Amino acid sequence: MRCHSAGRRSPAKRAAAATRITLVLAEDHTVVRQGLRTLLEADGDIEVVGEAETGRQAVALTRRLRPAVVVMDIAMPVLNGLEAARQIRKAAPATRLVILSAHSDDAYVEQAIALGAMGYLLKQTSARVLCQAVREVHRGNTFFCPSIARRIENRERGASNRLAPGTRIRARLTSREAEVLQLIAEGEGNKRIGVALGISVKTVEKHRQHLMEKLSIHDTAGLTRYAIAAGIIESSVQVTIV
């Protein structure tokens, strides 16, 4: 009699595992992230292979794990979700992006689409719809919650090709400039920014100076207000402006 290892899976189980949608979940609130993981994995065809608390972690995990889908919040510390999305699209172009956010503003939606997101859902979305969105973008389709889909259709019918203000603002910054700007707006000093980005203090100072010159802003408070207006950080996480 041939003996089989207890850990060996049947062909059916191996096939099921092979068809699972691998996913990285990026959300900075632990309780929310754990709840989302439970909901996403409930039906068995979605497997959360990595969890990220910051945008930078999301980029690193995606680069290493190459998941089929990333579900990303916009309001992420250290590196916001939109900038993380831009870096993910460059590092892992085959990975599909779904934004799950509390923000429904057109500026955020248009930035996300411009950066390659194939789905955009609001956080009040049901678990069923979130799972549906993951499956649809995995198939190569776009998926937006109803209220956002209606606005997109209305804009397309109006044949308006103008970019949202936030999109115009961010298009003027390089990826590294956006990273430095976010950390400045979050209240980090040059030394801590250098450590976070793996660059020297002198290089941070150069980036800060370039930002001020490029944006015609002459102080940290102005850079912070700019970061809020551009959607790089939320006003709720910014330091007090004096």
Protein backbone atom coordinates (compact mmCIF):
# COMPACT_ATOMS: atom_id res chain seq x y z
CA MET A 1 0.00 0.00 0.00
CA ARG A 2 1.37 3.41 -0.97
CA CYS A 3 1.49 5.87 1.88
CA HIS A 4 0.65 9.56 1.36
CA SER A 5 1.98 12.45 3.38
CA ALA A 6 -0.68 13.98 5.60
CA GLY A 7 0.40 17.42 4.35
CA ARG A 8 -0.03 16.57 0.65
CA ARG A 9 -3.04 18.27 -0.90
CA SER A 10 -5.40 16.64 -3.36
CA PRO A 11 -5.38 17.84 -7.01
CA ALA A 12 -8.65 19.66 -6.35
CA LYS A 13 -7.20 21.50 -3.36
CA ARG A 14 -4.02 22.36 -5.28
CA ALA A 15 -6.12 23.75 -8.12
CA ALA A 16 -8.17 25.81 -5.69
CA ALA A 17 -5.03 27.26 -4.12
CA ALA A 18 -3.64 28.10 -7.54
CA THR A 19 -6.75 30.07 -8.47
CA ARG A 20 -6.80 32.17 -5.29
CA ILE A 21 -6.39 35.90 -5.72
CA THR A 22 -3.31 36.97 -3.76
CA LEU A 23 -3.73 40.34 -2.10
CA VAL A 24 -1.78 42.89 -0.07
CA LEU A 25 -3.91 44.92 2.33
CA ALA A 26 -2.68 48.43 3.18
CA GLU A 27 -4.52 50.11 6.07
CA ASP A 28 -2.91 51.89 9.01
CA HIS A 29 -5.57 51.05 11.62
CA THR A 30 -4.90 47.56 12.97
CA VAL A 31 -8.48 46.76 13.99
CA VAL A 32 -9.84 47.86 10.61
CA ARG A 33 -7.14 45.93 8.77
CA GLN A 34 -7.80 42.75 10.72
CA GLY A 35 -11.53 43.04 10.09
CA LEU A 36 -10.99 43.59 6.38
CA ARG A 37 -8.73 40.55 6.20
CA THR A 38 -11.39 38.36 7.78
CA LEU A 39 -14.05 39.64 5.37
CA LEU A 40 -11.86 39.27 2.29
CA GLU A 41 -10.79 35.73 3.09
CA ALA A 42 -14.26 34.49 4.11
CA ASP A 43 -15.18 32.94 0.73
CA GLY A 44 -11.83 31.20 0.25
CA ASP A 45 -10.89 32.55 -3.18
CA ILE A 46 -8.98 35.58 -1.86
CA GLU A 47 -5.76 35.18 0.14
CA VAL A 48 -4.23 38.12 2.01
CA VAL A 49 -0.50 37.45 1.66
CA GLY A 50 0.70 40.68 3.28
CA GLU A 51 -0.48 43.55 5.49
CA ALA A 52 0.96 47.07 5.51
CA GLU A 53 0.60 49.84 8.09
CA THR A 54 2.31 52.51 5.97
CA GLY A 55 2.48 53.33 2.30
CA ARG A 56 6.18 52.50 2.26
CA GLN A 57 5.49 49.03 3.66
CA ALA A 58 2.83 48.52 0.97
CA VAL A 59 5.36 49.31 -1.78
CA ALA A 60 7.99 47.00 -0.26
CA LEU A 61 5.53 44.12 0.21
CA THR A 62 4.20 44.47 -3.32
CA ARG A 63 7.70 44.54 -4.77
CA ARG A 64 8.60 41.37 -2.83
CA LEU A 65 5.36 39.36 -3.00
CA ARG A 66 3.97 40.45 -6.39
CA PRO A 67 0.32 40.04 -5.34
CA ALA A 68 -2.48 40.03 -7.90
CA VAL A 69 -4.24 42.90 -6.14
CA VAL A 70 -3.44 45.63 -3.60
CA VAL A 71 -6.25 47.18 -1.57
CA MET A 72 -5.00 50.56 -0.38
CA ASP A 73 -6.24 53.33 1.88
CA ILE A 74 -5.29 56.87 0.83
CA ALA A 75 -4.60 58.27 4.30
CA MET A 76 -1.44 56.26 5.04
CA PRO A 77 1.44 57.53 7.22
CA VAL A 78 5.04 57.98 6.02
CA LEU A 79 3.97 57.56 2.38
CA ASN A 80 0.36 58.35 1.43
CA GLY A 81 -1.68 55.86 -0.55
CA LEU A 82 -1.64 57.84 -3.80
CA GLU A 83 2.14 58.16 -3.87
CA ALA A 84 2.43 54.50 -2.85
CA ALA A 85 0.11 53.64 -5.76
CA ARG A 86 2.39 55.49 -8.16
CA GLN A 87 5.44 53.58 -6.92
CA ILE A 88 3.59 50.25 -6.99
CA ARG A 89 2.53 50.76 -10.59
CA LYS A 90 6.16 51.36 -11.50
CA ALA A 91 7.59 48.49 -9.44
CA ALA A 92 4.88 45.88 -10.16
CA PRO A 93 2.84 46.89 -13.22
CA ALA A 94 0.94 43.58 -13.30
CA THR A 95 -0.51 44.18 -9.82
CA ARG A 96 -4.03 45.66 -9.83
CA LEU A 97 -4.88 48.51 -7.45
CA VAL A 98 -8.10 49.10 -5.54
CA ILE A 99 -8.44 52.24 -3.43
CA LEU A 100 -10.60 51.91 -0.31
CA SER A 101 -10.99 55.37 1.21
CA ALA A 102 -13.18 57.67 3.26
CA HIS A 103 -12.61 60.36 0.60
CA SER A 104 -15.16 60.72 -2.17
CA ASP A 105 -13.82 64.03 -3.55
CA ASP A 106 -13.36 64.15 -7.31
CA ALA A 107 -9.75 65.27 -6.84
CA TYR A 108 -8.85 62.06 -4.98
CA VAL A 109 -10.76 59.84 -7.41
CA GLU A 110 -9.20 61.42 -10.48
CA GLN A 111 -5.71 61.23 -9.01
CA ALA A 112 -6.21 57.55 -8.19
CA ILE A 113 -7.41 56.77 -11.71
CA ALA A 114 -4.57 58.76 -13.25
CA LEU A 115 -2.11 56.72 -11.17
CA GLY A 116 -3.53 53.44 -12.46
CA ALA A 117 -6.10 52.40 -9.84
CA MET A 118 -8.72 50.12 -11.39
CA GLY A 119 -11.12 50.34 -8.47
CA TYR A 120 -12.24 52.99 -6.00
CA LEU A 121 -14.56 52.21 -3.10
CA LEU A 122 -15.72 54.19 -0.09
CA LYS A 123 -15.20 52.73 3.37
CA GLN A 124 -18.92 52.36 3.98
CA THR A 125 -18.94 49.78 1.17
CA SER A 126 -20.24 46.33 2.16
CA ALA A 127 -17.93 43.32 2.39
CA ARG A 128 -19.74 41.70 -0.54
CA VAL A 129 -19.05 44.68 -2.80
CA LEU A 130 -15.40 44.88 -1.71
CA CYS A 131 -14.86 41.22 -2.59
CA GLN A 132 -16.67 41.76 -5.89
CA ALA A 133 -14.36 44.69 -6.66
CA VAL A 134 -11.26 42.59 -5.98
CA ARG A 135 -12.50 39.84 -8.29
CA GLU A 136 -13.44 42.26 -11.05
CA VAL A 137 -10.12 44.13 -11.10
CA HIS A 138 -8.32 40.79 -11.00
CA ARG A 139 -10.15 39.95 -14.24
CA GLY A 140 -8.92 43.20 -15.74
CA ASN A 141 -12.13 45.20 -15.30
CA THR A 142 -12.61 48.52 -13.51
CA PHE A 143 -14.92 48.73 -10.49
CA PHE A 144 -16.21 51.85 -8.74
CA CYS A 145 -18.83 52.23 -6.04
CA PRO A 146 -22.16 53.49 -7.49
CA SER A 147 -21.89 57.13 -6.41
CA ILE A 148 -18.40 57.50 -7.89
CA ALA A 149 -19.32 55.57 -11.05
CA ARG A 150 -22.22 57.98 -11.67
CA ARG A 151 -19.95 61.01 -11.30
CA ILE A 152 -17.40 59.52 -13.69
CA GLU A 153 -20.12 58.85 -16.27
CA ASN A 154 -21.49 62.38 -15.90
CA ARG A 155 -18.05 63.90 -16.42
CA GLU A 156 -17.43 61.72 -19.47
CA ARG A 157 -20.79 62.74 -20.95
CA GLY A 158 -19.81 66.36 -20.38
CA ALA A 159 -16.66 65.71 -22.45
CA SER A 160 -14.56 67.56 -19.90
CA ASN A 161 -10.90 66.59 -19.97
CA ARG A 162 -9.70 69.00 -17.33
CA LEU A 163 -7.67 67.59 -14.45
CA ALA A 164 -8.74 68.08 -10.86
CA PRO A 165 -6.73 70.74 -8.98
CA GLY A 166 -4.97 68.11 -6.87
CA THR A 167 -3.86 66.26 -9.98
CA ARG A 168 -2.30 69.37 -11.47
CA ILE A 169 -0.51 70.07 -8.20
CA ARG A 170 0.98 66.59 -7.81
CA ALA A 171 2.04 66.35 -11.44
CA ARG A 172 4.64 69.03 -10.72
CA LEU A 173 6.44 66.95 -8.08
CA THR A 174 8.77 64.01 -8.52
CA SER A 175 8.15 60.88 -6.47
CA ARG A 176 11.00 61.70 -4.08
CA GLU A 177 9.81 65.30 -3.70
CA ALA A 178 6.35 64.05 -2.77
CA GLU A 179 7.89 61.71 -0.17
CA VAL A 180 9.93 64.51 1.38
CA LEU A 181 6.94 66.85 1.34
CA GLN A 182 4.76 64.35 3.16
CA LEU A 183 7.34 63.80 5.90
CA ILE A 184 7.83 67.55 6.29
CA ALA A 185 4.07 68.02 6.59
CA GLU A 186 3.91 65.21 9.17
CA GLY A 187 6.30 67.22 11.33
CA GLU A 188 9.53 65.29 10.77
CA GLY A 189 12.88 67.11 10.91
CA ASN A 190 15.60 66.79 8.30
CA LYS A 191 17.54 64.14 10.21
CA ARG A 192 14.53 61.86 10.68
CA ILE A 193 13.52 62.36 7.05
CA GLY A 194 17.02 61.36 5.98
CA VAL A 195 16.88 58.18 8.07
CA ALA A 196 13.41 57.29 6.76
CA LEU A 197 14.42 57.73 3.11
CA GLY A 198 18.01 56.51 3.40
CA ILE A 199 19.51 59.81 2.26
CA SER A 200 21.78 62.38 3.87
CA VAL A 201 20.59 65.44 5.76
CA LYS A 202 22.23 67.59 3.09
CA THR A 203 20.18 65.86 0.40
CA VAL A 204 17.00 66.41 2.44
CA GLU A 205 17.85 70.09 2.71
CA LYS A 206 18.30 70.26 -1.06
CA HIS A 207 14.93 68.61 -1.64
CA ARG A 208 13.30 71.02 0.83
CA GLN A 209 14.86 73.97 -0.98
CA HIS A 210 13.78 72.65 -4.38
CA LEU A 211 10.23 72.20 -3.11
CA MET A 212 10.08 75.77 -1.88
CA GLU A 213 11.50 77.10 -5.14
CA LYS A 214 9.27 74.95 -7.33
CA LEU A 215 6.10 75.77 -5.38
CA SER A 216 6.99 79.38 -4.52
CA ILE A 217 6.54 78.60 -0.83
CA HIS A 218 8.99 79.95 1.72
CA ASP A 219 8.27 78.20 5.03
CA THR A 220 7.34 74.83 6.53
CA ALA A 221 3.82 75.95 7.42
CA GLY A 222 3.23 76.81 3.78
CA LEU A 223 4.51 73.41 2.65
CA THR A 224 2.18 71.74 5.14
CA ARG A 225 -0.84 73.68 3.88
CA TYR A 226 0.17 72.77 0.34
CA ALA A 227 0.41 69.07 1.23
CA ILE A 228 -3.11 69.17 2.65
CA ALA A 229 -4.51 70.95 -0.42
CA ALA A 230 -2.78 68.45 -2.74
CA GLY A 231 -4.20 65.46 -0.85
CA ILE A 232 -0.73 64.30 0.19
CA ILE A 233 -1.79 64.27 3.84
CA GLU A 234 -5.09 64.77 5.61
CA SER A 235 -5.67 67.83 7.75
CA SER A 236 -6.42 65.49 10.66
CA VAL A 237 -2.82 64.20 10.73
CA GLN A 238 -0.96 67.43 10.16
CA VAL A 239 0.99 69.21 12.84
CA THR A 240 -0.25 72.47 14.25
CA ILE A 241 0.43 75.36 11.88
CA VAL A 242 1.46 78.57 13.61
